[in-house]
Amino acid sequence: YYDSVVMFTFLLLTARYIDNRLRERFVQSSERLAALPAFGTRLKDGIHEQASLADIIVGDELWVATGNQVPIDGELTSDQATLDESILTGESVWVAKRAHDPIYAGTINQGTGFALRTTQLFDRSRICDIAALADRAQSDNPPIAQLADRIAKHFVPAILAVSALTWLLWQAIDASRAVPAALAVLVVSCPCALSLATPAALAAAMTRLRQAGVVLTKSSVLEIIPKLSRALIDKTGTLTVQDLELNAIHHLGSAYDKATCLDVAAALQQLSNHPLARAFPTPRNVRITAPELVPGAGVRGSWNGHRVQIGSAAFCELPGAADRDTHLTIDGVPAMRFEISDSLRADAKSAIDALKDEGLPVTMLSGDAESRCASLAKELEISYVARQDPETKLAVTRELQQAGERVLVVGDGVNDVPALAAADISVAVLESSDTVKAKADVLLLTRKLNGLVQLVQVGGKARRVIVENLGWALAYNAIAIPTAAVGLMPPWVAALGMASSSILVMLNATRLLSWRETSTEEL
């Protein structure tokens, strides 16, 4: 059996090689995320000095030369910069930055040198958080993988028992065939195919998603995706762009001049992380005390002894006022009305259409006015529910689940957190707050919503590959073991079959790496 042993070893090592390559692809993507330069160039009194990342504190000014990697998250203090953010987003197109724009560690300077002011310690940078989440997902063991492990755990003792029984029976029938038959049973059985079927597919799928700028924080997400029946997506900052604009400012004859009212409004909005708040300028010499944030509705507080609040007409208790606008009141008296425009993300329509083509209907949930939601929903051809606060968003999610639906929730703000926590799968977009990201099962690192489409498509494909692998492994063993036991399979054929079975499930898993999803640009 010398040639059989050599062939067996070759085929077994081939299967192990494919398995290792799959795992290495995922590990390399995670290591690339976590890989940061050991030093940064600190600017101090106009002098460049090398400093360890551990010695750099928040507020330090750093210099990033052309071609170098950004070492720590910060805010651009130079006039402009050009960055390759593909390590975070998966997008190869370079991104132009302007003064005060956020700069992220791990990105590469593709333009002239620039300065930034650090806003995080090096181990709290976004890239480190993403790497930690990716590692957590890799160590997570979903139910379907646990099932395969349990089967494999009992499989080996069962095969030993079957092999012993085969030897005993052949001893009674034909002793000369007892050892070859028992040996064939031992060799042909393939518990490794069962054990590799699921983790190989999961590793390939997560690597494929990571390349597309989608990071899973739980590997069980891939098992749930094919069961989803409804997507609930927030409007402002999720379906629409984060960079909103003040179209018009109306001073309503308050006792205070327009500039003062605008400063008060801006100071209140600084207390909020809602996308609408980003449309307001930086306030000057205005201090708000006793602030209170009502997620999805507005902000109130005290200014020079006056009760001030900004938000929706309902929040500001202004019946009959324009519901789609933002209002400022001082001591309950209307002081200003702001018309703020938001526009759809460039790929929102194509992404929604692709989700519907995948059999996943979409509903827009928003705390915004009925009129704004209606026009946007009509453009996207989806259903909507307007004027939602965090509690009602949660109620809508649970109501759907109680009706038997499996729900995907996508959001970016604090007002989305309760619904995200209750969802079967929760997704946070790139610009989400830290609170939202902490609750999310999936992070989109690209500014495009087609990451959602890729998530659904890859998840469905991964599920099919896992089922195919498990089905093949079980069917193979169900046929091969009895065939070997009755003496119809010599040991060398058994060795060939066992190794080939492992190779087959590994090659099937690698299809997830080479498979090309339908991009939203093609729809």
Protein backbone atom coordinates (compact mmCIF):
# COMPACT_ATOMS: atom_id res chain seq x y z
CA TYR A 1 0.00 0.00 0.00
CA TYR A 2 3.01 2.33 -0.34
CA ASP A 3 1.55 4.19 -3.35
CA SER A 4 -1.84 4.40 -1.61
CA VAL A 5 -0.25 5.94 1.48
CA VAL A 6 1.59 8.52 -0.64
CA MET A 7 -1.59 9.45 -2.51
CA PHE A 8 -3.55 9.61 0.73
CA THR A 9 -0.96 11.93 2.29
CA PHE A 10 -0.87 14.14 -0.80
CA LEU A 11 -4.66 14.55 -0.96
CA LEU A 12 -5.00 15.11 2.79
CA LEU A 13 -2.29 17.78 2.76
CA THR A 14 -3.97 19.44 -0.23
CA ALA A 15 -7.20 19.74 1.76
CA ARG A 16 -5.31 21.13 4.75
CA TYR A 17 -3.53 23.63 2.49
CA ILE A 18 -6.83 24.94 1.10
CA ASP A 19 -8.22 25.21 4.64
CA ASN A 20 -5.17 27.13 5.83
CA ARG A 21 -5.33 29.49 2.85
CA LEU A 22 -8.96 30.32 3.61
CA ARG A 23 -8.18 31.07 7.24
CA GLU A 24 -5.06 33.04 6.34
CA ARG A 25 -7.04 35.27 3.98
CA PHE A 26 -9.32 36.25 6.86
CA VAL A 27 -6.49 36.62 9.38
CA GLN A 28 -4.48 38.75 6.94
CA SER A 29 -7.42 41.09 6.44
CA SER A 30 -7.75 41.46 10.24
CA GLU A 31 -3.99 41.91 10.72
CA ARG A 32 -3.97 44.52 7.98
CA LEU A 33 -6.68 46.35 9.87
CA ALA A 34 -4.72 46.30 13.11
CA ALA A 35 -1.35 47.12 11.53
CA LEU A 36 -0.37 50.71 12.35
CA PRO A 37 3.04 52.40 12.27
CA ALA A 38 4.90 52.24 15.58
CA PHE A 39 5.79 55.96 15.50
CA GLY A 40 4.26 59.23 14.42
CA THR A 41 5.79 62.59 13.51
CA ARG A 42 4.74 65.15 16.13
CA LEU A 43 4.80 68.87 15.40
CA LYS A 44 6.02 70.86 18.37
CA ASP A 45 6.94 74.53 18.05
CA GLY A 46 7.38 74.02 14.32
CA ILE A 47 9.84 71.15 14.82
CA HIS A 48 9.21 67.59 13.58
CA GLU A 49 10.01 64.91 16.15
CA GLN A 50 9.48 61.16 16.16
CA ALA A 51 7.20 59.96 18.93
CA SER A 52 5.92 56.55 19.94
CA LEU A 53 2.17 56.17 19.42
CA ALA A 54 1.82 55.39 23.13
CA ASP A 55 3.30 58.81 23.94
CA ILE A 56 0.96 60.78 21.67
CA ILE A 57 -2.04 62.25 23.47
CA VAL A 58 -5.32 63.78 22.34
CA GLY A 59 -4.72 67.29 21.03
CA ASP A 60 -1.19 66.69 19.75
CA GLU A 61 -0.48 67.92 16.22
CA LEU A 62 1.02 65.35 13.84
CA TRP A 63 2.55 65.54 10.38
CA VAL A 64 1.82 62.85 7.79
CA ALA A 65 4.24 62.84 4.86
CA THR A 66 3.35 61.77 1.31
CA GLY A 67 2.92 58.00 1.04
CA ASN A 68 2.82 57.49 4.82
CA GLN A 69 0.06 55.86 6.83
CA VAL A 70 -2.00 57.95 9.24
CA PRO A 71 -1.07 56.67 12.74
CA ILE A 72 -3.99 57.99 14.86
CA ASP A 73 -7.51 59.33 14.30
CA GLY A 74 -7.64 63.10 14.12
CA GLU A 75 -8.98 66.27 12.53
CA LEU A 76 -7.30 67.78 9.48
CA THR A 77 -5.68 71.12 10.32
CA SER A 78 -4.11 71.66 6.89
CA ASP A 79 -6.22 73.09 4.06
CA GLN A 80 -6.58 69.81 2.17
CA ALA A 81 -5.46 66.19 1.91
CA THR A 82 -5.93 63.22 -0.41
CA LEU A 83 -6.31 59.83 1.24
CA ASP A 84 -6.58 56.19 0.26
CA GLU A 85 -9.25 54.86 2.66
CA SER A 86 -9.54 51.40 1.05
CA ILE A 87 -8.31 49.67 4.21
CA LEU A 88 -11.47 50.91 5.96
CA THR A 89 -14.06 51.14 3.22
CA GLY A 90 -12.89 48.70 0.55
CA GLU A 91 -13.21 51.52 -2.01
CA SER A 92 -10.13 52.12 -4.16
CA VAL A 93 -11.08 55.70 -5.15
CA TRP A 94 -9.01 58.27 -3.24
CA VAL A 95 -10.92 60.67 -0.99
CA ALA A 96 -10.38 64.45 -0.91
CA LYS A 97 -10.44 66.02 2.56
CA ARG A 98 -10.79 69.63 3.64
CA ALA A 99 -9.83 71.48 6.82
CA HIS A 100 -11.58 70.12 9.94
CA ASP A 101 -12.62 66.87 8.20
CA PRO A 102 -12.04 63.66 10.21
CA ILE A 103 -8.92 61.66 9.35
CA TYR A 104 -8.69 57.98 10.29
CA ALA A 105 -5.73 55.85 11.32
CA GLY A 106 -4.61 53.28 8.78
CA THR A 107 -5.47 55.41 5.74
CA ILE A 108 -2.61 56.39 3.41
CA ASN A 109 -1.62 59.91 2.35
CA GLN A 110 -1.68 60.00 -1.47
CA GLY A 111 -1.23 63.77 -1.77
CA THR A 112 1.08 66.35 -0.26
CA GLY A 113 2.03 66.21 3.41
CA PHE A 114 -0.57 67.47 5.87
CA ALA A 115 -1.07 68.18 9.57
CA LEU A 116 -3.77 66.79 11.83
CA ARG A 117 -4.81 67.24 15.44
CA THR A 118 -5.36 63.94 17.24
CA THR A 119 -8.85 63.22 18.59
CA GLN A 120 -8.22 59.70 19.96
CA LEU A 121 -5.50 57.67 21.60
CA PHE A 122 -3.89 55.19 19.17
CA ASP A 123 -5.58 52.13 20.70
CA ARG A 124 -9.02 53.78 20.47
CA SER A 125 -8.78 54.54 16.76
CA ARG A 126 -11.60 53.36 14.53
CA ILE A 127 -9.35 50.84 12.77
CA CYS A 128 -8.47 49.17 16.10
CA ASP A 129 -12.14 48.93 17.06
CA ILE A 130 -12.98 47.35 13.69
CA ALA A 131 -10.14 44.84 14.00
CA ALA A 132 -11.36 43.84 17.48
CA LEU A 133 -14.91 43.36 16.17
CA ALA A 134 -13.66 41.27 13.24
CA ASP A 135 -11.66 39.05 15.62
CA ARG A 136 -14.74 38.63 17.81
CA ALA A 137 -16.77 37.48 14.83
CA GLN A 138 -14.08 34.95 13.85
CA SER A 139 -14.04 33.43 17.35
CA ASP A 140 -17.84 33.31 17.46
CA ASN A 141 -19.35 29.87 16.79
CA PRO A 142 -22.86 30.03 15.24
CA PRO A 143 -25.48 27.32 15.95
CA ILE A 144 -25.01 25.57 12.61
CA ALA A 145 -21.27 25.21 13.29
CA GLN A 146 -21.98 23.91 16.78
CA LEU A 147 -24.33 21.31 15.29
CA ALA A 148 -21.62 20.09 12.89
CA ASP A 149 -19.12 19.94 15.77
CA ARG A 150 -21.54 17.87 17.87
CA ILE A 151 -22.08 15.45 14.97
CA ALA A 152 -18.32 15.12 14.41
CA LYS A 153 -17.73 14.59 18.14
CA HIS A 154 -19.96 11.49 18.18
CA PHE A 155 -18.95 10.42 14.70
CA VAL A 156 -15.48 9.08 15.58
CA PRO A 157 -16.59 6.67 18.38
CA ALA A 158 -19.39 5.45 16.13
CA ILE A 159 -16.95 4.71 13.29
CA LEU A 160 -14.64 2.82 15.64
CA ALA A 161 -17.60 0.70 16.74
CA VAL A 162 -18.70 0.07 13.13
CA SER A 163 -15.14 -0.87 12.16
CA ALA A 164 -14.87 -3.35 15.04
CA LEU A 165 -18.26 -4.85 14.17
CA THR A 166 -17.17 -5.16 10.52
CA TRP A 167 -14.04 -7.06 11.59
CA LEU A 168 -16.06 -9.43 13.78
CA LEU A 169 -18.61 -10.16 11.06
CA TRP A 170 -15.95 -10.79 8.41
CA GLN A 171 -14.08 -13.04 10.81
CA ALA A 172 -17.14 -15.26 10.81
CA ILE A 173 -17.64 -15.03 7.02
CA ASP A 174 -14.13 -14.87 5.57
CA ALA A 175 -11.26 -14.11 7.96
CA SER A 176 -8.92 -13.14 5.11
CA ARG A 177 -11.12 -10.14 4.29
CA ALA A 178 -11.69 -8.97 7.88
CA VAL A 179 -8.70 -6.64 8.19
CA PRO A 180 -9.04 -4.97 4.73
CA ALA A 181 -12.77 -4.37 5.28
CA ALA A 182 -12.31 -2.97 8.79
CA LEU A 183 -9.41 -0.82 7.58
CA ALA A 184 -11.48 0.50 4.66
CA VAL A 185 -14.26 1.54 7.07
CA LEU A 186 -11.77 3.44 9.22
CA VAL A 187 -10.13 5.15 6.25
CA VAL A 188 -13.20 6.01 4.16
CA SER A 189 -15.05 7.78 6.97
CA CYS A 190 -14.49 11.52 6.88
CA PRO A 191 -15.27 13.44 10.09
CA CYS A 192 -12.94 16.23 8.92
CA ALA A 193 -15.30 17.02 6.01
CA LEU A 194 -18.10 17.52 8.55
CA SER A 195 -15.91 19.66 10.81
CA LEU A 196 -14.56 21.80 7.94
CA ALA A 197 -17.86 22.28 6.10
CA THR A 198 -19.13 25.22 8.14
CA PRO A 199 -16.01 27.10 9.40
CA ALA A 200 -14.46 27.09 5.93
CA ALA A 201 -17.56 28.68 4.41
CA LEU A 202 -17.87 31.20 7.25
CA ALA A 203 -14.22 32.26 6.94
CA ALA A 204 -14.57 32.67 3.17
CA ALA A 205 -17.81 34.66 3.48
CA MET A 206 -16.47 37.01 6.15
CA THR A 207 -13.31 37.60 4.12
CA ARG A 208 -15.42 38.35 1.05
CA LEU A 209 -17.55 40.84 2.98
CA ARG A 210 -14.51 42.45 4.59
CA GLN A 211 -13.08 43.10 1.11
CA ALA A 212 -16.35 44.90 0.30
CA GLY A 213 -16.17 47.13 3.40
CA VAL A 214 -18.66 45.14 5.50
CA VAL A 215 -17.57 43.92 8.95
CA LEU A 216 -19.53 41.35 10.93
CA THR A 217 -19.35 41.46 14.73
CA LYS A 218 -21.13 38.06 14.98
CA SER A 219 -20.66 35.18 12.57
CA SER A 220 -24.21 33.99 13.37
CA VAL A 221 -25.40 36.87 11.16
CA LEU A 222 -24.65 34.76 8.09
CA GLU A 223 -27.02 32.07 9.33
CA ILE A 224 -29.88 34.51 9.94
CA ILE A 225 -29.63 36.52 6.69
CA PRO A 226 -31.46 33.99 4.47
CA LYS A 227 -34.36 33.98 6.98
CA LEU A 228 -34.91 37.77 6.88
CA SER A 229 -38.33 38.91 5.69
CA ARG A 230 -38.28 42.69 6.26
CA ALA A 231 -35.77 45.55 6.29
CA LEU A 232 -36.43 48.68 8.39
CA ILE A 233 -34.17 51.55 7.39
CA ASP A 234 -33.80 54.94 9.06
CA LYS A 235 -34.11 57.97 6.80
CA THR A 236 -31.96 60.89 7.90
CA GLY A 237 -28.27 60.07 7.71
CA THR A 238 -28.92 56.53 6.49
CA LEU A 239 -30.94 56.74 3.29
CA THR A 240 -29.96 60.40 2.98
CA VAL A 241 -26.49 61.92 3.10
CA GLN A 242 -25.03 63.13 6.36
CA ASP A 243 -23.98 66.53 5.00
CA LEU A 244 -27.20 68.55 5.23
CA GLU A 245 -27.53 72.22 4.34
CA LEU A 246 -29.40 75.19 5.77
CA ASN A 247 -31.45 76.35 2.82
CA ALA A 248 -33.16 79.25 4.57
CA ILE A 249 -33.15 80.90 7.99
CA HIS A 250 -36.27 82.85 9.04
CA HIS A 251 -36.01 85.27 11.96
CA LEU A 252 -39.46 85.45 13.50
CA GLY A 253 -39.28 88.81 15.21
CA SER A 254 -37.90 87.61 18.52
CA ALA A 255 -36.67 90.04 21.15
CA TYR A 256 -33.17 88.91 20.22
CA ASP A 257 -31.41 89.71 16.96
CA LYS A 258 -30.87 87.15 14.22
CA ALA A 259 -27.19 86.53 15.00
CA THR A 260 -27.90 85.85 18.68
CA CYS A 261 -30.75 83.48 17.87
CA LEU A 262 -28.57 81.61 15.38
CA ASP A 263 -25.82 81.23 17.99
CA VAL A 264 -28.32 79.88 20.52
CA ALA A 265 -29.65 77.41 17.94
CA ALA A 266 -26.13 76.30 17.00
CA ALA A 267 -25.15 75.89 20.67
CA LEU A 268 -28.18 73.67 21.28
CA GLN A 269 -27.49 71.60 18.19
CA GLN A 270 -23.92 71.00 19.32
CA LEU A 271 -25.41 68.88 22.08
CA SER A 272 -26.98 66.54 19.52
CA ASN A 273 -25.39 63.99 17.19
CA HIS A 274 -28.39 63.96 14.86
CA PRO A 275 -27.41 64.60 11.19
CA LEU A 276 -29.62 67.71 11.12
CA ALA A 277 -27.42 69.26 13.82
CA ARG A 278 -24.40 69.14 11.51
CA ALA A 279 -26.00 71.71 9.21
CA PHE A 280 -25.57 74.43 11.86
CA PRO A 281 -22.46 76.64 12.21
CA THR A 282 -20.14 76.72 15.20
CA PRO A 283 -21.66 78.89 17.98
CA ARG A 284 -19.93 81.95 19.43
CA ASN A 285 -19.90 82.81 23.14
CA VAL A 286 -23.12 80.98 23.96
CA ARG A 287 -23.33 78.54 26.87
CA ILE A 288 -26.25 76.19 27.36
CA THR A 289 -26.89 74.83 30.85
CA ALA A 290 -29.14 71.98 32.04
CA PRO A 291 -29.25 70.46 28.55
CA GLU A 292 -31.74 67.72 27.73
CA LEU A 293 -31.60 65.71 24.53
CA VAL A 294 -34.73 63.95 23.30
CA PRO A 295 -33.49 61.55 20.60
CA GLY A 296 -35.22 62.07 17.27
CA ALA A 297 -37.15 65.14 18.50
CA GLY A 298 -34.89 67.97 19.66
CA VAL A 299 -32.79 69.59 22.39
CA ARG A 300 -33.76 71.90 25.22
CA GLY A 301 -31.80 73.74 27.86
CA SER A 302 -31.28 77.05 29.65
CA TRP A 303 -29.51 80.13 28.29
CA ASN A 304 -29.01 83.22 30.46
CA GLY A 305 -32.01 82.14 32.51
CA HIS A 306 -34.24 81.60 29.46
CA ARG A 307 -35.77 78.27 28.46
CA VAL A 308 -34.62 77.51 24.93
CA GLN A 309 -35.37 74.54 22.70
CA ILE A 310 -34.83 73.51 19.11
CA GLY A 311 -36.40 70.69 17.14
CA SER A 312 -39.60 69.67 15.42
CA ALA A 313 -42.82 71.68 15.63
CA ALA A 314 -44.35 69.06 17.92
CA PHE A 315 -41.30 69.09 20.22
CA CYS A 316 -41.36 72.89 20.43
CA GLU A 317 -45.16 72.80 21.03
CA LEU A 318 -45.98 74.87 17.95
CA PRO A 319 -49.26 73.50 16.57
CA GLY A 320 -49.85 74.59 13.00
CA ALA A 321 -46.19 75.38 12.37
CA ALA A 322 -44.39 73.93 9.33
CA ASP A 323 -43.84 70.32 10.31
CA ARG A 324 -40.96 69.69 7.92
CA ASP A 325 -38.85 72.58 9.31
CA THR A 326 -36.69 72.91 12.43
CA HIS A 327 -37.82 75.49 15.01
CA LEU A 328 -36.17 77.50 17.79
CA THR A 329 -38.19 78.87 20.69
CA ILE A 330 -37.06 81.10 23.55
CA ASP A 331 -39.32 80.96 26.60
CA GLY A 332 -41.90 79.23 24.43
CA VAL A 333 -41.96 82.03 21.85
CA PRO A 334 -40.97 81.19 18.23
CA ALA A 335 -37.62 82.81 17.50
CA MET A 336 -36.38 81.14 14.31
CA ARG A 337 -37.42 78.66 11.66
CA PHE A 338 -34.83 76.71 9.67
CA GLU A 339 -35.36 75.06 6.29
CA ILE A 340 -32.89 72.19 6.03
CA SER A 341 -32.48 70.12 2.90
CA ASP A 342 -31.33 66.54 2.75
CA SER A 343 -30.79 64.43 -0.33
CA LEU A 344 -30.71 60.72 -1.03
CA ARG A 345 -27.43 58.87 -1.07
CA ALA A 346 -26.32 58.36 -4.65
CA ASP A 347 -26.94 54.61 -4.60
CA ALA A 348 -29.98 54.56 -2.29
CA LYS A 349 -32.52 53.82 -5.05
CA SER A 350 -30.46 51.08 -6.69
CA ALA A 351 -29.66 49.50 -3.31
CA ILE A 352 -33.33 49.45 -2.28
CA ASP A 353 -34.31 47.95 -5.64
CA ALA A 354 -31.63 45.27 -5.26
CA LEU A 355 -32.86 44.38 -1.77
CA LYS A 356 -36.39 44.01 -3.11
CA ASP A 357 -35.06 41.81 -5.93
CA GLU A 358 -33.51 39.61 -3.23
CA GLY A 359 -36.98 39.17 -1.74
CA LEU A 360 -36.46 41.63 1.13
CA PRO A 361 -39.16 44.34 1.24
CA VAL A 362 -38.07 47.66 2.74
CA THR A 363 -39.88 50.04 5.10
CA MET A 364 -38.49 53.47 5.96
CA LEU A 365 -38.72 54.45 9.64
CA SER A 366 -38.19 58.11 10.44
CA GLY A 367 -38.79 60.71 13.10
CA ASP A 368 -39.14 63.27 10.33
CA ALA A 369 -42.29 64.98 9.15
CA GLU A 370 -44.98 63.14 7.19
CA SER A 371 -44.51 65.31 4.10
CA ARG A 372 -40.76 64.69 3.84
CA CYS A 373 -41.11 60.96 4.41
CA ALA A 374 -43.94 60.62 1.88
CA SER A 375 -42.02 62.29 -0.96
CA LEU A 376 -38.88 60.26 -0.26
CA ALA A 377 -40.77 56.97 0.03
CA LYS A 378 -42.54 57.68 -3.26
CA GLU A 379 -39.18 58.24 -4.97
CA LEU A 380 -37.80 54.99 -3.54
CA GLU A 381 -41.07 53.10 -4.07
CA ILE A 382 -41.16 51.76 -0.50
CA SER A 383 -43.52 51.94 2.46
CA TYR A 384 -42.80 54.30 5.34
CA VAL A 385 -43.75 55.23 8.90
CA ALA A 386 -43.15 58.89 9.83
CA ARG A 387 -42.83 60.83 13.10
CA GLN A 388 -41.26 57.94 14.96
CA ASP A 389 -39.46 58.32 18.28
CA PRO A 390 -37.16 55.63 19.73
CA GLU A 391 -40.03 53.93 21.56
CA THR A 392 -42.29 53.69 18.51
CA LYS A 393 -39.42 52.45 16.32
CA LEU A 394 -38.91 49.68 18.86
CA ALA A 395 -42.65 48.97 18.90
CA VAL A 396 -42.76 48.65 15.10
CA THR A 397 -39.82 46.23 15.16
CA ARG A 398 -41.38 44.04 17.85
CA GLU A 399 -44.79 44.10 16.21
CA LEU A 400 -43.29 42.72 13.00
CA GLN A 401 -41.39 40.06 14.94
CA GLN A 402 -44.52 39.00 16.81
CA ALA A 403 -46.19 38.56 13.43
CA GLY A 404 -43.48 36.03 12.54
CA GLU A 405 -41.14 38.29 10.55
CA ARG A 406 -37.35 38.28 10.83
CA VAL A 407 -36.25 41.91 10.79
CA LEU A 408 -33.12 43.71 9.60
CA VAL A 409 -32.76 47.23 11.08
CA VAL A 410 -30.37 49.82 9.63
CA GLY A 411 -29.66 53.08 11.44
CA ASP A 412 -27.12 55.66 12.48
CA GLY A 413 -28.46 57.66 15.44
CA VAL A 414 -29.13 57.25 19.15
CA ASN A 415 -32.85 57.23 18.39
CA ASP A 416 -32.31 53.99 16.44
CA VAL A 417 -30.60 52.13 19.30
CA PRO A 418 -33.70 50.45 20.84
CA ALA A 419 -34.83 49.10 17.45
CA LEU A 420 -31.27 48.00 16.61
CA ALA A 421 -31.01 46.13 19.91
CA ALA A 422 -34.30 44.30 19.26
CA ALA A 423 -33.60 43.48 15.58
CA ASP A 424 -32.73 40.01 14.34
CA ILE A 425 -29.82 41.68 12.53
CA SER A 426 -28.75 45.28 13.17
CA VAL A 427 -26.59 47.32 10.79
CA ALA A 428 -24.79 50.59 11.51
CA VAL A 429 -23.69 52.84 8.65
CA LEU A 430 -20.25 54.46 8.46
CA GLU A 431 -21.19 57.76 10.14
CA SER A 432 -23.02 56.13 13.07
CA SER A 433 -22.37 57.18 16.65
CA ASP A 434 -20.29 54.94 18.93
CA THR A 435 -23.45 53.94 20.82
CA VAL A 436 -25.04 52.65 17.61
CA LYS A 437 -21.91 50.76 16.56
CA ALA A 438 -21.75 49.07 19.96
CA LYS A 439 -25.25 47.63 19.38
CA ALA A 440 -24.77 46.66 15.74
CA ASP A 441 -24.18 43.15 14.40
CA VAL A 442 -22.82 44.57 11.14
CA LEU A 443 -20.80 47.70 10.34
CA LEU A 444 -20.80 49.30 6.90
CA LEU A 445 -17.40 50.90 6.39
CA THR A 446 -18.27 52.36 3.01
CA ARG A 447 -20.41 55.41 2.39
CA LYS A 448 -22.48 53.43 -0.11
CA LEU A 449 -25.58 51.47 0.78
CA ASN A 450 -24.70 48.69 -1.65
CA GLY A 451 -22.90 47.13 1.32
CA LEU A 452 -26.39 46.08 2.47
CA VAL A 453 -26.97 44.33 -0.85
CA GLN A 454 -23.64 42.54 -0.62
CA LEU A 455 -24.43 41.50 2.96
CA VAL A 456 -27.73 39.91 1.90
CA GLN A 457 -26.30 38.30 -1.24
CA VAL A 458 -23.16 36.90 0.40
CA GLY A 459 -25.20 35.72 3.41
CA GLY A 460 -27.57 33.80 1.17
CA LYS A 461 -24.69 32.34 -0.82
CA ALA A 462 -22.82 31.33 2.36
CA ARG A 463 -25.89 29.53 3.69
CA ARG A 464 -26.22 27.57 0.46
CA VAL A 465 -22.52 26.63 0.51
CA ILE A 466 -22.77 25.45 4.13
CA VAL A 467 -25.83 23.34 3.37
CA GLU A 468 -24.12 21.90 0.28
CA ASN A 469 -20.99 21.07 2.27
CA LEU A 470 -22.88 19.42 5.13
CA GLY A 471 -25.16 17.60 2.70
CA TRP A 472 -22.22 16.26 0.74
CA ALA A 473 -20.29 15.21 3.86
CA LEU A 474 -23.28 13.37 5.33
CA ALA A 475 -24.29 11.77 2.01
CA TYR A 476 -20.73 10.68 1.30
CA ASN A 477 -20.35 9.00 4.68
CA ALA A 478 -23.82 7.42 4.47
CA ILE A 479 -22.87 5.75 1.15
CA ALA A 480 -19.15 5.13 1.57
CA ILE A 481 -19.15 3.52 5.03
CA PRO A 482 -21.69 0.73 4.23
CA THR A 483 -19.91 0.14 0.89
CA ALA A 484 -16.59 -0.34 2.69
CA ALA A 485 -18.18 -2.49 5.41
CA VAL A 486 -19.56 -5.05 2.92
CA GLY A 487 -16.14 -5.39 1.33
CA LEU A 488 -16.79 -3.58 -1.95
CA MET A 489 -14.15 -0.90 -1.39
CA PRO A 490 -10.42 -1.63 -1.00
CA PRO A 491 -8.43 0.53 1.45
CA TRP A 492 -6.65 2.50 -1.29
CA VAL A 493 -10.01 3.58 -2.80
CA ALA A 494 -11.19 4.45 0.72
CA ALA A 495 -8.14 6.69 1.20
CA LEU A 496 -8.79 8.41 -2.10
CA GLY A 497 -12.45 8.97 -1.25
CA MET A 498 -11.75 10.38 2.23
CA ALA A 499 -9.16 12.92 1.07
CA SER A 500 -11.26 13.87 -1.95
CA SER A 501 -14.24 14.54 0.31
CA SER A 502 -12.26 17.07 2.36
CA ILE A 503 -10.90 18.73 -0.76
CA LEU A 504 -14.39 19.05 -2.22
CA VAL A 505 -15.88 20.91 0.76
CA MET A 506 -12.88 23.26 0.88
CA LEU A 507 -13.04 24.05 -2.84
CA ASN A 508 -16.77 24.63 -2.54
CA ALA A 509 -16.12 27.17 0.24
CA THR A 510 -13.56 29.03 -1.89
CA ARG A 511 -16.34 29.83 -4.39
CA LEU A 512 -17.41 32.55 -1.96
CA LEU A 513 -14.10 34.35 -2.53
CA SER A 514 -14.28 34.28 -6.31
CA TRP A 515 -18.05 34.83 -6.57
CA ARG A 516 -18.96 38.31 -7.81
CA GLU A 517 -22.14 39.82 -6.41
CA THR A 518 -24.47 42.00 -8.44
CA SER A 519 -23.37 45.57 -7.79
CA THR A 520 -25.94 48.30 -7.43
CA GLU A 521 -24.28 50.24 -10.23
CA GLU A 522 -25.33 47.46 -12.62
CA LEU A 523 -29.00 47.52 -11.65
